Amino acid sequence: MTPDNPPDETALSPKSRDAAAEKLFSWVEKFLLLITTMMTLAAVAVEVASVIERGTIELADLLLMFLYTEVIGMIAVYYTGKGSFFAFPIFIAITAIARLIVLQGKDMAPENVLFDSGAILLLALAAVVISRFRSE
């Protein structure tokens, strides 16, 4: 800031730069959530078409639909602010592990079923803890 170099009046202040960055990240986040929603709905359509083509509904199909429903629910909770946003990924993980157990069925080693069941129990406990602390 010498007489030869006056301050640049067009430069943004740190506060306005932070606000602009926050706004940009908010728009990117909303855009990605919109893409995630569209991709989830497309996956639901493909799954429904597959079930119609096969003519049968299996338990794995239902669990996959629950996964899709939970993804949409997680996005809805994010936008509405109602509920515990962080619990939804835990519910998705629980459903995914349950689906894995169902898909592997009789071919799965007994100890792996025990490990997966333990993982579901730990995730359920984590969801309870997160929900309790969120409500306080």
N, C-alpha and C. Protein backbone atom coordinates (compact mmCIF):
# COMPACT_ATOMS: atom_id res chain seq x y z
N MET A 1 0.80 -1.17 0.00
CA MET A 1 0.00 0.00 0.00
C MET A 1 0.87 1.25 0.00
N THR A 2 1.71 1.28 -0.89
CA THR A 2 2.53 2.47 -1.09
C THR A 2 1.81 3.39 -2.05
N PRO A 3 2.26 4.62 -2.15
CA PRO A 3 1.61 5.53 -3.11
C PRO A 3 1.65 4.98 -4.53
N ASP A 4 2.68 4.16 -4.82
CA ASP A 4 2.76 3.59 -6.17
C ASP A 4 1.75 2.46 -6.37
N ASN A 5 1.41 1.74 -5.28
CA ASN A 5 0.49 0.61 -5.34
C ASN A 5 -0.73 0.88 -4.44
N PRO A 6 -1.73 1.58 -4.91
CA PRO A 6 -2.91 1.83 -4.08
C PRO A 6 -3.68 0.53 -3.86
N PRO A 7 -4.47 0.42 -2.79
CA PRO A 7 -5.23 -0.82 -2.56
C PRO A 7 -6.23 -1.05 -3.69
N ASP A 8 -6.41 -2.31 -4.02
CA ASP A 8 -7.34 -2.70 -5.09
C ASP A 8 -8.76 -2.66 -4.54
N GLU A 9 -9.54 -1.71 -4.96
CA GLU A 9 -10.89 -1.54 -4.44
C GLU A 9 -11.85 -2.57 -5.03
N THR A 10 -11.46 -3.27 -6.08
CA THR A 10 -12.33 -4.26 -6.68
C THR A 10 -12.18 -5.62 -6.01
N ALA A 11 -11.16 -5.79 -5.18
CA ALA A 11 -10.96 -7.07 -4.50
C ALA A 11 -12.05 -7.28 -3.47
N LEU A 12 -12.44 -8.55 -3.30
CA LEU A 12 -13.48 -8.88 -2.34
C LEU A 12 -12.90 -8.94 -0.94
N SER A 13 -13.70 -8.52 0.01
CA SER A 13 -13.27 -8.63 1.40
C SER A 13 -13.30 -10.10 1.81
N PRO A 14 -12.58 -10.46 2.86
CA PRO A 14 -12.60 -11.87 3.30
C PRO A 14 -14.00 -12.37 3.62
N LYS A 15 -14.84 -11.54 4.22
CA LYS A 15 -16.21 -11.95 4.54
C LYS A 15 -17.02 -12.23 3.28
N SER A 16 -16.91 -11.36 2.30
CA SER A 16 -17.69 -11.57 1.08
C SER A 16 -17.15 -12.76 0.27
N ARG A 17 -15.83 -12.97 0.35
CA ARG A 17 -15.25 -14.17 -0.29
C ARG A 17 -15.78 -15.43 0.36
N ASP A 18 -15.84 -15.44 1.70
CA ASP A 18 -16.37 -16.60 2.43
C ASP A 18 -17.83 -16.83 2.08
N ALA A 19 -18.60 -15.76 2.01
CA ALA A 19 -20.02 -15.87 1.67
C ALA A 19 -20.19 -16.41 0.24
N ALA A 20 -19.36 -15.93 -0.67
CA ALA A 20 -19.43 -16.41 -2.06
C ALA A 20 -19.06 -17.89 -2.14
N ALA A 21 -18.03 -18.29 -1.42
CA ALA A 21 -17.62 -19.70 -1.40
C ALA A 21 -18.71 -20.56 -0.80
N GLU A 22 -19.31 -20.09 0.28
CA GLU A 22 -20.39 -20.84 0.92
C GLU A 22 -21.57 -21.01 -0.02
N LYS A 23 -21.90 -19.95 -0.74
CA LYS A 23 -23.01 -20.01 -1.70
C LYS A 23 -22.69 -20.98 -2.84
N LEU A 24 -21.46 -20.94 -3.32
CA LEU A 24 -21.05 -21.86 -4.39
C LEU A 24 -21.15 -23.31 -3.93
N PHE A 25 -20.63 -23.60 -2.74
CA PHE A 25 -20.68 -24.97 -2.24
C PHE A 25 -22.12 -25.41 -2.00
N SER A 26 -22.97 -24.50 -1.56
CA SER A 26 -24.37 -24.83 -1.36
C SER A 26 -25.03 -25.21 -2.68
N TRP A 27 -24.74 -24.46 -3.74
CA TRP A 27 -25.31 -24.77 -5.05
C TRP A 27 -24.76 -26.09 -5.60
N VAL A 28 -23.47 -26.33 -5.40
CA VAL A 28 -22.88 -27.61 -5.85
C VAL A 28 -23.53 -28.77 -5.10
N GLU A 29 -23.71 -28.59 -3.80
CA GLU A 29 -24.33 -29.63 -2.98
C GLU A 29 -25.76 -29.91 -3.45
N LYS A 30 -26.53 -28.88 -3.70
CA LYS A 30 -27.91 -29.06 -4.18
C LYS A 30 -27.93 -29.72 -5.54
N PHE A 31 -27.01 -29.34 -6.40
CA PHE A 31 -26.93 -29.95 -7.73
C PHE A 31 -26.62 -31.45 -7.62
N LEU A 32 -25.66 -31.80 -6.77
CA LEU A 32 -25.29 -33.21 -6.60
C LEU A 32 -26.43 -34.01 -5.96
N LEU A 33 -27.16 -33.40 -5.03
CA LEU A 33 -28.31 -34.09 -4.44
C LEU A 33 -29.41 -34.30 -5.47
N LEU A 34 -29.58 -33.33 -6.37
CA LEU A 34 -30.55 -33.49 -7.44
C LEU A 34 -30.15 -34.64 -8.37
N ILE A 35 -28.88 -34.69 -8.71
CA ILE A 35 -28.39 -35.79 -9.56
C ILE A 35 -28.57 -37.12 -8.85
N THR A 36 -28.26 -37.16 -7.55
CA THR A 36 -28.43 -38.39 -6.77
C THR A 36 -29.89 -38.83 -6.77
N THR A 37 -30.80 -37.88 -6.62
CA THR A 37 -32.23 -38.20 -6.64
C THR A 37 -32.64 -38.76 -7.99
N MET A 38 -32.20 -38.12 -9.06
CA MET A 38 -32.56 -38.60 -10.41
C MET A 38 -31.98 -39.99 -10.67
N MET A 39 -30.74 -40.22 -10.25
CA MET A 39 -30.12 -41.53 -10.45
C MET A 39 -30.83 -42.61 -9.63
N THR A 40 -31.25 -42.26 -8.42
CA THR A 40 -31.97 -43.22 -7.58
C THR A 40 -33.31 -43.57 -8.20
N LEU A 41 -34.01 -42.57 -8.69
CA LEU A 41 -35.30 -42.83 -9.34
C LEU A 41 -35.12 -43.66 -10.61
N ALA A 42 -34.05 -43.42 -11.35
CA ALA A 42 -33.77 -44.23 -12.54
C ALA A 42 -33.47 -45.68 -12.14
N ALA A 43 -32.73 -45.86 -11.06
CA ALA A 43 -32.42 -47.21 -10.58
C ALA A 43 -33.70 -47.92 -10.13
N VAL A 44 -34.62 -47.18 -9.51
CA VAL A 44 -35.90 -47.76 -9.11
C VAL A 44 -36.66 -48.22 -10.36
N ALA A 45 -36.67 -47.40 -11.39
CA ALA A 45 -37.38 -47.76 -12.63
C ALA A 45 -36.77 -49.01 -13.25
N VAL A 46 -35.45 -49.11 -13.26
CA VAL A 46 -34.79 -50.29 -13.82
C VAL A 46 -35.13 -51.53 -13.00
N GLU A 47 -35.14 -51.39 -11.68
CA GLU A 47 -35.46 -52.53 -10.81
C GLU A 47 -36.90 -52.98 -11.00
N VAL A 48 -37.82 -52.03 -11.08
CA VAL A 48 -39.23 -52.38 -11.31
C VAL A 48 -39.40 -53.06 -12.66
N ALA A 49 -38.74 -52.56 -13.69
CA ALA A 49 -38.80 -53.20 -15.01
C ALA A 49 -38.24 -54.62 -14.96
N SER A 50 -37.18 -54.80 -14.20
CA SER A 50 -36.58 -56.13 -14.06
C SER A 50 -37.55 -57.10 -13.36
N VAL A 51 -38.21 -56.63 -12.33
CA VAL A 51 -39.18 -57.47 -11.62
C VAL A 51 -40.35 -57.82 -12.53
N ILE A 52 -40.82 -56.85 -13.30
CA ILE A 52 -41.93 -57.10 -14.22
C ILE A 52 -41.51 -58.10 -15.29
N GLU A 53 -40.29 -57.94 -15.79
CA GLU A 53 -39.79 -58.86 -16.82
C GLU A 53 -39.67 -60.29 -16.30
N ARG A 54 -39.16 -60.43 -15.07
CA ARG A 54 -39.01 -61.76 -14.46
C ARG A 54 -40.35 -62.35 -14.06
N GLY A 55 -41.25 -61.50 -13.66
CA GLY A 55 -42.56 -61.97 -13.22
C GLY A 55 -42.60 -62.45 -11.78
N THR A 56 -41.50 -62.27 -11.05
CA THR A 56 -41.46 -62.65 -9.64
C THR A 56 -40.76 -61.56 -8.83
N ILE A 57 -41.19 -61.48 -7.58
CA ILE A 57 -40.56 -60.54 -6.66
C ILE A 57 -39.85 -61.36 -5.60
N GLU A 58 -38.56 -61.10 -5.44
CA GLU A 58 -37.77 -61.81 -4.44
C GLU A 58 -37.47 -60.88 -3.27
N LEU A 59 -37.06 -61.47 -2.16
CA LEU A 59 -36.73 -60.69 -0.98
C LEU A 59 -35.60 -59.70 -1.26
N ALA A 60 -34.62 -60.11 -2.05
CA ALA A 60 -33.51 -59.21 -2.40
C ALA A 60 -34.02 -57.97 -3.15
N ASP A 61 -35.06 -58.15 -3.98
CA ASP A 61 -35.65 -57.01 -4.69
C ASP A 61 -36.30 -56.03 -3.71
N LEU A 62 -36.99 -56.57 -2.73
CA LEU A 62 -37.63 -55.69 -1.73
C LEU A 62 -36.59 -54.93 -0.92
N LEU A 63 -35.52 -55.63 -0.52
CA LEU A 63 -34.47 -54.96 0.25
C LEU A 63 -33.78 -53.88 -0.59
N LEU A 64 -33.61 -54.13 -1.87
CA LEU A 64 -33.02 -53.12 -2.74
C LEU A 64 -33.94 -51.90 -2.85
N MET A 65 -35.25 -52.14 -2.91
CA MET A 65 -36.19 -51.03 -2.95
C MET A 65 -36.15 -50.23 -1.64
N PHE A 66 -35.95 -50.92 -0.51
CA PHE A 66 -35.78 -50.21 0.75
C PHE A 66 -34.53 -49.34 0.73
N LEU A 67 -33.47 -49.83 0.12
CA LEU A 67 -32.25 -49.02 0.00
C LEU A 67 -32.54 -47.74 -0.78
N TYR A 68 -33.22 -47.89 -1.89
CA TYR A 68 -33.55 -46.72 -2.70
C TYR A 68 -34.45 -45.76 -1.92
N THR A 69 -35.42 -46.31 -1.19
CA THR A 69 -36.32 -45.48 -0.39
C THR A 69 -35.55 -44.72 0.68
N GLU A 70 -34.58 -45.38 1.29
CA GLU A 70 -33.79 -44.72 2.34
C GLU A 70 -32.90 -43.62 1.76
N VAL A 71 -32.40 -43.82 0.57
CA VAL A 71 -31.60 -42.76 -0.07
C VAL A 71 -32.48 -41.53 -0.32
N ILE A 72 -33.68 -41.76 -0.87
CA ILE A 72 -34.61 -40.65 -1.10
C ILE A 72 -35.00 -40.00 0.24
N GLY A 73 -35.22 -40.82 1.25
CA GLY A 73 -35.55 -40.29 2.57
C GLY A 73 -34.43 -39.46 3.15
N MET A 74 -33.20 -39.89 2.94
CA MET A 74 -32.05 -39.14 3.44
C MET A 74 -31.97 -37.77 2.76
N ILE A 75 -32.23 -37.73 1.48
CA ILE A 75 -32.22 -36.45 0.76
C ILE A 75 -33.35 -35.56 1.26
N ALA A 76 -34.53 -36.15 1.49
CA ALA A 76 -35.67 -35.37 1.99
C ALA A 76 -35.38 -34.81 3.38
N VAL A 77 -34.76 -35.62 4.25
CA VAL A 77 -34.42 -35.15 5.60
C VAL A 77 -33.41 -34.02 5.51
N TYR A 78 -32.49 -34.11 4.58
CA TYR A 78 -31.51 -33.04 4.42
C TYR A 78 -32.19 -31.72 4.06
N TYR A 79 -33.15 -31.79 3.14
CA TYR A 79 -33.81 -30.56 2.69
C TYR A 79 -34.80 -30.01 3.72
N THR A 80 -35.52 -30.89 4.43
CA THR A 80 -36.52 -30.42 5.38
C THR A 80 -35.92 -30.09 6.74
N GLY A 81 -34.80 -30.72 7.07
CA GLY A 81 -34.19 -30.49 8.38
C GLY A 81 -34.90 -31.22 9.49
N LYS A 82 -35.86 -32.07 9.16
CA LYS A 82 -36.60 -32.83 10.17
C LYS A 82 -35.98 -34.22 10.28
N GLY A 83 -35.66 -34.61 11.49
CA GLY A 83 -35.08 -35.92 11.71
C GLY A 83 -33.57 -35.86 11.79
N SER A 84 -32.99 -37.00 11.97
CA SER A 84 -31.53 -37.10 12.11
C SER A 84 -30.92 -37.50 10.78
N PHE A 85 -30.32 -36.53 10.12
CA PHE A 85 -29.72 -36.78 8.80
C PHE A 85 -28.65 -37.87 8.88
N PHE A 86 -27.88 -37.88 9.97
CA PHE A 86 -26.76 -38.82 10.07
C PHE A 86 -27.19 -40.24 10.35
N ALA A 87 -28.42 -40.45 10.78
CA ALA A 87 -28.89 -41.80 11.03
C ALA A 87 -29.23 -42.53 9.72
N PHE A 88 -29.59 -41.81 8.69
CA PHE A 88 -30.00 -42.45 7.44
C PHE A 88 -28.89 -43.27 6.78
N PRO A 89 -27.65 -42.78 6.70
CA PRO A 89 -26.61 -43.65 6.14
C PRO A 89 -26.43 -44.94 6.96
N ILE A 90 -26.68 -44.85 8.25
CA ILE A 90 -26.59 -46.06 9.08
C ILE A 90 -27.71 -47.02 8.72
N PHE A 91 -28.93 -46.51 8.51
CA PHE A 91 -30.03 -47.37 8.08
C PHE A 91 -29.75 -48.00 6.72
N ILE A 92 -29.14 -47.23 5.84
CA ILE A 92 -28.79 -47.75 4.52
C ILE A 92 -27.77 -48.88 4.67
N ALA A 93 -26.78 -48.69 5.54
CA ALA A 93 -25.77 -49.73 5.75
C ALA A 93 -26.40 -50.99 6.35
N ILE A 94 -27.31 -50.83 7.29
CA ILE A 94 -27.99 -51.99 7.88
C ILE A 94 -28.75 -52.76 6.81
N THR A 95 -29.50 -52.05 5.98
CA THR A 95 -30.26 -52.71 4.92
C THR A 95 -29.33 -53.37 3.90
N ALA A 96 -28.21 -52.72 3.59
CA ALA A 96 -27.27 -53.31 2.63
C ALA A 96 -26.66 -54.60 3.18
N ILE A 97 -26.32 -54.61 4.45
CA ILE A 97 -25.75 -55.83 5.04
C ILE A 97 -26.81 -56.93 5.09
N ALA A 98 -28.05 -56.57 5.44
CA ALA A 98 -29.12 -57.56 5.45
C ALA A 98 -29.34 -58.13 4.04
N ARG A 99 -29.28 -57.27 3.05
CA ARG A 99 -29.42 -57.72 1.66
C ARG A 99 -28.28 -58.65 1.27
N LEU A 100 -27.08 -58.33 1.72
CA LEU A 100 -25.92 -59.19 1.45
C LEU A 100 -26.12 -60.57 2.06
N ILE A 101 -26.62 -60.62 3.28
CA ILE A 101 -26.88 -61.91 3.93
C ILE A 101 -27.92 -62.70 3.15
N VAL A 102 -28.98 -62.03 2.71
CA VAL A 102 -30.04 -62.71 1.95
C VAL A 102 -29.50 -63.22 0.62
N LEU A 103 -28.71 -62.41 -0.08
CA LEU A 103 -28.21 -62.80 -1.39
C LEU A 103 -27.23 -63.97 -1.31
N GLN A 104 -26.38 -63.95 -0.28
CA GLN A 104 -25.40 -65.03 -0.16
C GLN A 104 -26.03 -66.29 0.40
N GLY A 105 -27.05 -66.14 1.20
CA GLY A 105 -27.85 -67.27 1.69
C GLY A 105 -27.06 -68.42 2.25
N LYS A 106 -27.33 -69.59 1.72
CA LYS A 106 -26.74 -70.83 2.24
C LYS A 106 -25.26 -70.95 1.92
N ASP A 107 -24.78 -70.20 0.93
CA ASP A 107 -23.37 -70.28 0.54
C ASP A 107 -22.45 -69.54 1.51
N MET A 108 -23.02 -68.76 2.40
CA MET A 108 -22.24 -67.94 3.32
C MET A 108 -21.75 -68.77 4.50
N ALA A 109 -20.49 -68.58 4.86
CA ALA A 109 -19.92 -69.29 6.01
C ALA A 109 -20.62 -68.82 7.29
N PRO A 110 -20.86 -69.73 8.23
CA PRO A 110 -21.58 -69.36 9.46
C PRO A 110 -20.92 -68.21 10.23
N GLU A 111 -19.60 -68.20 10.27
CA GLU A 111 -18.93 -67.13 11.01
C GLU A 111 -19.14 -65.76 10.33
N ASN A 112 -19.27 -65.76 9.01
CA ASN A 112 -19.54 -64.51 8.30
C ASN A 112 -20.94 -63.98 8.61
N VAL A 113 -21.90 -64.90 8.77
CA VAL A 113 -23.24 -64.48 9.17
C VAL A 113 -23.18 -63.84 10.55
N LEU A 114 -22.39 -64.43 11.44
CA LEU A 114 -22.23 -63.88 12.78
C LEU A 114 -21.57 -62.51 12.73
N PHE A 115 -20.52 -62.36 11.92
CA PHE A 115 -19.85 -61.06 11.79
C PHE A 115 -20.79 -60.00 11.23
N ASP A 116 -21.52 -60.38 10.18
CA ASP A 116 -22.46 -59.43 9.58
C ASP A 116 -23.57 -59.05 10.55
N SER A 117 -24.05 -60.03 11.33
CA SER A 117 -25.07 -59.74 12.33
C SER A 117 -24.52 -58.82 13.41
N GLY A 118 -23.26 -59.02 13.78
CA GLY A 118 -22.62 -58.13 14.75
C GLY A 118 -22.49 -56.72 14.20
N ALA A 119 -22.19 -56.62 12.91
CA ALA A 119 -22.09 -55.30 12.28
C ALA A 119 -23.45 -54.60 12.29
N ILE A 120 -24.51 -55.35 12.02
CA ILE A 120 -25.85 -54.77 12.06
C ILE A 120 -26.18 -54.30 13.47
N LEU A 121 -25.82 -55.10 14.47
CA LEU A 121 -26.08 -54.71 15.86
C LEU A 121 -25.32 -53.42 16.22
N LEU A 122 -24.05 -53.34 15.83
CA LEU A 122 -23.26 -52.13 16.11
C LEU A 122 -23.85 -50.91 15.41
N LEU A 123 -24.26 -51.09 14.17
CA LEU A 123 -24.87 -49.98 13.44
C LEU A 123 -26.19 -49.54 14.07
N ALA A 124 -26.97 -50.52 14.54
CA ALA A 124 -28.24 -50.19 15.20
C ALA A 124 -27.98 -49.41 16.48
N LEU A 125 -26.98 -49.82 17.24
CA LEU A 125 -26.62 -49.09 18.46
C LEU A 125 -26.15 -47.67 18.13
N ALA A 126 -25.37 -47.55 17.07
CA ALA A 126 -24.91 -46.22 16.65
C ALA A 126 -26.09 -45.34 16.26
N ALA A 127 -27.08 -45.90 15.57
CA ALA A 127 -28.26 -45.13 15.18
C ALA A 127 -29.03 -44.66 16.41
N VAL A 128 -29.13 -45.53 17.42
CA VAL A 128 -29.83 -45.16 18.65
C VAL A 128 -29.08 -44.03 19.35
N VAL A 129 -27.76 -44.14 19.44
CA VAL A 129 -26.96 -43.11 20.10
C VAL A 129 -27.09 -41.78 19.36
N ILE A 130 -26.97 -41.81 18.04
CA ILE A 130 -27.08 -40.58 17.26
C ILE A 130 -28.46 -39.96 17.40
N SER A 131 -29.49 -40.78 17.38
CA SER A 131 -30.86 -40.27 17.51
C SER A 131 -31.09 -39.66 18.89
N ARG A 132 -30.55 -40.26 19.92
CA ARG A 132 -30.72 -39.74 21.28
C ARG A 132 -30.02 -38.39 21.44
N PHE A 133 -28.79 -38.29 20.96
CA PHE A 133 -28.05 -37.04 21.10
C PHE A 133 -28.61 -35.96 20.20
N ARG A 134 -29.18 -36.32 19.09
CA ARG A 134 -29.77 -35.35 18.16
C ARG A 134 -30.99 -34.68 18.77
N SER A 135 -31.78 -35.46 19.50
CA SER A 135 -33.04 -34.93 20.04
C SER A 135 -32.82 -34.03 21.26
N GLU A 136 -31.64 -34.09 21.87
CA GLU A 136 -31.39 -33.27 23.06
C GLU A 136 -30.96 -31.88 22.71
